[in-house]
């Protein structure tokens, strides 16, 4: 008697996704080159490289975070040209891009052109996160919120809003250990440094740079538990503004509102 072995589906962890994202980035580069975009500049940074940072962030069972919600609804906030959103769609997720044309690098023309070229079902929502906005849907399985928090005037409001709309959030933001002149060690204080308009990269949309203690206090009061946390970059002498003092916190958050 012969027994047919049950077919096993490989479970993809974040390490596998990172490798697949590298290949997808090459595919997107070819699509962008063919599509043109001659009347606007493409976002110049490889946003799919964030999968490498998430590979360093996620531990234990959290490494299969995306696999566990396969087919679920994801919001990619501040998506640039949508590279990560289109990659997650290719892995079976339903994805909303949430960004704001006046502050997007090319006014959302890049993500809309890719949406057309890829014949994608990703939905693009033009929302001002510094206004009293509402999320496009009542609930999400995951919100991806990378590199956006310090660009917002009201970080407490956005984090409270997201905690009611999603179970999980992947967040990254710049943090600091020192501030002021002469330099003062503030890393142990739950505080944030408010940037001058030209102080950091001559970008007036940079606002609040938290200490790690400040970021942890903020997310806790906004309704989140920290499931994983890692700091990357200058993890010994970071400051709020200089290129060489750049430290980034990557955090996996679990909402206390969503169970």
Protein backbone atom coordinates (compact mmCIF):
# COMPACT_ATOMS: atom_id res chain seq x y z
CA UNK A 1 0.00 0.00 0.00
CA UNK A 2 1.29 3.41 -0.96
CA UNK A 3 0.68 6.47 1.13
CA UNK A 4 0.63 9.89 -0.51
CA UNK A 5 2.71 12.33 1.47
CA UNK A 6 0.85 15.47 2.35
CA UNK A 7 2.18 18.49 0.51
CA UNK A 8 3.78 20.97 2.91
CA UNK A 9 3.62 24.68 2.17
CA UNK A 10 6.81 26.50 3.04
CA UNK A 11 6.29 29.10 5.75
CA UNK A 12 7.91 32.37 4.76
CA UNK A 13 9.65 34.25 7.52
CA UNK A 14 11.04 37.78 7.27
CA UNK A 15 14.42 36.48 6.09
CA UNK A 16 12.79 34.81 3.08
CA UNK A 17 10.73 37.91 2.37
CA UNK A 18 13.89 40.04 2.47
CA UNK A 19 15.46 37.91 -0.26
CA UNK A 20 12.29 37.96 -2.34
CA UNK A 21 12.04 41.74 -1.93
CA UNK A 22 15.54 42.16 -3.38
CA UNK A 23 14.43 40.32 -6.53
CA UNK A 24 11.19 42.30 -6.68
CA UNK A 25 13.18 45.55 -6.47
CA UNK A 26 15.00 44.58 -9.66
CA UNK A 27 11.65 43.89 -11.34
CA UNK A 28 10.30 47.27 -10.26
CA UNK A 29 13.41 49.04 -11.51
CA UNK A 30 12.82 47.52 -14.95
CA UNK A 31 9.15 48.54 -14.87
CA UNK A 32 10.07 52.10 -13.89
CA UNK A 33 12.67 52.33 -16.66
CA UNK A 34 10.17 51.13 -19.26
CA UNK A 35 7.29 53.26 -17.94
CA UNK A 36 9.35 56.41 -18.14
CA UNK A 37 8.05 58.99 -15.72
CA UNK A 38 9.87 61.66 -17.70
CA UNK A 39 7.74 64.48 -16.32
CA UNK A 40 8.51 63.67 -12.67
CA UNK A 41 11.37 62.21 -10.59
CA UNK A 42 11.09 58.77 -9.05
CA UNK A 43 11.67 58.57 -5.30
CA UNK A 44 15.47 58.14 -5.13
CA UNK A 45 15.75 55.69 -2.20
CA UNK A 46 15.17 51.95 -2.20
CA UNK A 47 12.26 51.56 0.22
CA UNK A 48 12.31 47.75 -0.09
CA UNK A 49 15.64 47.84 1.75
CA UNK A 50 13.50 48.30 4.86
CA UNK A 51 12.95 44.54 4.74
CA UNK A 52 16.61 44.19 5.77
CA UNK A 53 15.91 46.34 8.83
CA UNK A 54 12.76 44.38 9.63
CA UNK A 55 14.84 41.20 9.41
CA UNK A 56 16.97 42.62 12.23
CA UNK A 57 13.91 43.76 14.19
CA UNK A 58 11.62 40.75 14.25
CA UNK A 59 12.32 37.90 16.65
CA UNK A 60 10.75 34.55 17.53
CA UNK A 61 7.23 34.01 16.24
CA UNK A 62 7.11 37.63 15.07
CA UNK A 63 9.41 36.64 12.20
CA UNK A 64 6.37 35.07 10.51
CA UNK A 65 4.23 38.17 11.03
CA UNK A 66 3.40 38.59 7.34
CA UNK A 67 2.80 34.88 6.82
CA UNK A 68 0.34 34.85 9.71
CA UNK A 69 -1.81 37.49 8.04
CA UNK A 70 -1.49 36.25 4.46
CA UNK A 71 -4.38 37.66 2.46
CA UNK A 72 -5.08 40.28 5.11
CA UNK A 73 -5.48 44.04 4.76
CA UNK A 74 -2.35 46.20 5.06
CA UNK A 75 -1.99 49.99 5.04
CA UNK A 76 1.35 51.40 3.86
CA UNK A 77 1.53 54.96 5.19
CA UNK A 78 4.01 57.33 3.56
CA UNK A 79 4.67 54.86 0.77
CA UNK A 80 6.82 56.99 -1.59
CA UNK A 81 6.35 55.26 -4.98
CA UNK A 82 4.62 52.26 -3.41
CA UNK A 83 7.43 49.72 -3.84
CA UNK A 84 6.68 47.95 -0.55
CA UNK A 85 2.92 48.07 -1.15
CA UNK A 86 3.25 46.40 -4.56
CA UNK A 87 5.63 43.80 -3.13
CA UNK A 88 3.19 42.92 -0.35
CA UNK A 89 0.41 42.69 -2.91
CA UNK A 90 2.55 40.20 -4.86
CA UNK A 91 2.68 38.09 -1.67
CA UNK A 92 -1.09 37.92 -1.43
CA UNK A 93 -1.98 40.89 0.77
CA UNK A 94 -4.66 43.50 0.10
CA UNK A 95 -2.92 46.87 0.36
CA UNK A 96 -3.92 50.51 0.73
CA UNK A 97 -1.35 53.22 0.10
CA UNK A 98 -1.92 56.27 2.31
CA UNK A 99 0.11 59.37 1.43
CA UNK A 100 -0.39 63.07 0.75
CA UNK A 101 0.34 64.51 -2.68
CA UNK A 102 1.72 67.90 -1.48
CA UNK A 103 4.36 66.14 0.66
CA UNK A 104 4.96 63.05 -1.50
CA UNK A 105 8.23 63.24 -3.46
CA UNK A 106 6.50 63.39 -6.85
CA UNK A 107 2.93 64.23 -5.89
CA UNK A 108 1.86 60.54 -5.99
CA UNK A 109 2.52 60.37 -9.73
CA UNK A 110 5.05 57.58 -9.25
CA UNK A 111 2.75 55.26 -7.29
CA UNK A 112 -0.16 55.93 -9.65
CA UNK A 113 1.96 55.15 -12.72
CA UNK A 114 3.21 51.91 -11.18
CA UNK A 115 -0.35 51.02 -10.21
CA UNK A 116 -1.28 51.30 -13.89
CA UNK A 117 1.79 49.53 -15.27
CA UNK A 118 1.48 46.62 -12.83
CA UNK A 119 -2.30 46.41 -13.27
CA UNK A 120 -2.39 46.50 -9.50
CA UNK A 121 -5.38 46.40 -7.17
CA UNK A 122 -3.51 48.49 -4.59
CA UNK A 123 -5.70 51.46 -3.66
CA UNK A 124 -4.11 54.91 -3.31
CA UNK A 125 -5.60 57.33 -0.76
CA UNK A 126 -4.48 60.96 -0.63
CA UNK A 127 -4.82 61.92 3.05
CA UNK A 128 -3.33 64.73 5.10
CA UNK A 129 -2.12 63.06 8.32
CA UNK A 130 -1.67 66.46 9.95
CA UNK A 131 -5.42 67.06 9.64
CA UNK A 132 -8.23 65.34 11.56
CA UNK A 133 -8.26 62.48 9.10
CA UNK A 134 -10.05 59.13 9.12
CA UNK A 135 -8.53 55.87 7.93
CA UNK A 136 -9.98 54.57 4.63
CA UNK A 137 -11.18 51.40 6.38
CA UNK A 138 -12.38 50.55 9.86
CA UNK A 139 -9.81 47.81 10.50
CA UNK A 140 -6.46 46.61 9.17
CA UNK A 141 -4.36 43.59 10.02
CA UNK A 142 -1.17 45.63 9.79
CA UNK A 143 -0.09 49.23 9.30
CA UNK A 144 3.39 49.90 7.91
CA UNK A 145 4.51 53.29 9.22
CA UNK A 146 8.20 53.63 8.40
CA UNK A 147 10.09 56.92 8.58
CA UNK A 148 6.98 59.09 8.91
CA UNK A 149 6.40 59.84 12.61
CA UNK A 150 9.00 62.62 12.90
CA UNK A 151 7.48 64.34 9.84
CA UNK A 152 4.14 64.83 11.62
CA UNK A 153 3.06 67.73 13.81
CA UNK A 154 0.79 65.59 15.99
CA UNK A 155 2.39 62.18 16.56
CA UNK A 156 0.20 61.35 19.56
CA UNK A 157 -2.98 61.79 17.50
CA UNK A 158 -1.81 59.56 14.64
CA UNK A 159 -0.65 56.78 16.96
CA UNK A 160 -3.96 56.82 18.88
CA UNK A 161 -5.88 56.72 15.61
CA UNK A 162 -3.85 53.78 14.31
CA UNK A 163 -4.18 51.86 17.58
CA UNK A 164 -7.95 51.78 17.06
CA UNK A 165 -7.66 50.71 13.42
CA UNK A 166 -5.10 47.90 13.39
CA UNK A 167 -3.76 45.08 15.51
CA UNK A 168 -0.13 45.43 14.42
CA UNK A 169 2.05 48.35 13.40
CA UNK A 170 5.59 48.38 12.05
CA UNK A 171 7.03 51.78 12.94
CA UNK A 172 10.39 53.44 12.39
CA UNK A 173 11.50 56.92 13.33
CA UNK A 174 14.64 58.90 14.07
CA UNK A 175 15.59 59.00 17.77
CA UNK A 176 18.28 60.82 19.74
CA UNK A 177 20.50 60.32 22.78
CA UNK A 178 22.00 63.83 22.96
CA UNK A 179 20.70 67.34 22.29
CA UNK A 180 21.67 70.97 22.74
CA UNK A 181 24.90 72.93 22.65
CA UNK A 182 26.85 72.01 24.65
CA UNK A 183 25.61 68.45 24.19
CA UNK A 184 23.43 67.07 26.97
CA UNK A 185 22.71 63.37 27.48
CA UNK A 186 18.91 63.05 27.47
CA UNK A 187 18.50 59.40 26.44
CA UNK A 188 17.03 58.38 29.83
CA UNK A 189 14.31 61.06 29.75
CA UNK A 190 10.86 60.52 28.12
CA UNK A 191 11.13 63.64 25.94
CA UNK A 192 11.23 64.86 22.32
CA UNK A 193 13.36 67.53 20.64
CA UNK A 194 11.50 70.00 18.37
CA UNK A 195 13.60 70.82 15.32
CA UNK A 196 14.05 74.26 13.81
CA UNK A 197 12.69 74.35 10.22
CA UNK A 198 16.14 74.26 8.61
CA UNK A 199 17.97 72.30 11.30
CA UNK A 200 17.72 68.77 9.91
CA UNK A 201 18.49 68.31 6.21
CA UNK A 202 16.99 71.76 5.54
CA UNK A 203 13.58 70.07 5.63
CA UNK A 204 10.82 72.02 7.37
CA UNK A 205 8.63 68.87 7.57
CA UNK A 206 10.95 67.41 10.24
CA UNK A 207 9.45 68.04 13.68
CA UNK A 208 9.77 65.76 16.72
CA UNK A 209 12.84 63.62 17.45
CA UNK A 210 12.14 61.43 20.48
CA UNK A 211 14.52 59.73 22.84
CA UNK A 212 13.98 55.97 23.11
CA UNK A 213 12.41 56.59 26.53
CA UNK A 214 10.17 59.26 24.99
CA UNK A 215 9.11 57.01 22.11
CA UNK A 216 8.31 54.13 24.45
CA UNK A 217 6.27 56.44 26.69
CA UNK A 218 4.41 57.86 23.67
CA UNK A 219 3.40 54.51 22.17
CA UNK A 220 2.34 53.17 25.57
CA UNK A 221 0.08 56.16 26.25
CA UNK A 222 -1.34 55.94 22.71
CA UNK A 223 -2.52 52.35 23.29
CA UNK A 224 0.34 50.11 22.15
CA UNK A 225 2.57 47.39 23.58
CA UNK A 226 6.08 47.00 22.20
CA UNK A 227 6.52 43.49 20.76
CA UNK A 228 10.01 44.00 19.26
CA UNK A 229 12.45 46.94 19.28
CA UNK A 230 15.85 47.57 17.69
CA UNK A 231 17.99 50.68 17.20
CA UNK A 232 20.17 51.05 14.09
CA UNK A 233 22.68 53.65 12.96
CA UNK A 234 24.59 55.76 15.47
CA UNK A 235 23.51 53.97 18.63
CA UNK A 236 26.09 55.59 20.93
CA UNK A 237 26.16 59.34 20.16
CA UNK A 238 23.04 60.19 18.17
CA UNK A 239 21.68 63.73 17.92
CA UNK A 240 18.47 65.17 16.43
CA UNK A 241 19.85 66.74 13.26
CA UNK A 242 23.30 65.84 11.91
CA UNK A 243 23.78 63.14 9.24
CA UNK A 244 26.49 61.43 11.29
CA UNK A 245 24.26 61.47 14.40
CA UNK A 246 21.37 59.61 12.76
CA UNK A 247 19.88 56.79 14.85
CA UNK A 248 16.69 54.97 13.85
CA UNK A 249 14.33 52.98 16.03
CA UNK A 250 12.43 50.11 14.37
CA UNK A 251 9.50 48.88 16.45
CA UNK A 252 6.79 46.24 16.15
CA UNK A 253 3.72 47.45 18.04
CA UNK A 254 0.66 45.46 19.14
CA UNK A 255 -2.52 47.42 19.78
CA UNK A 256 -4.24 47.03 23.13
CA UNK A 257 -7.52 48.06 21.47
CA UNK A 258 -7.54 45.22 18.93
CA UNK A 259 -6.69 42.31 21.26
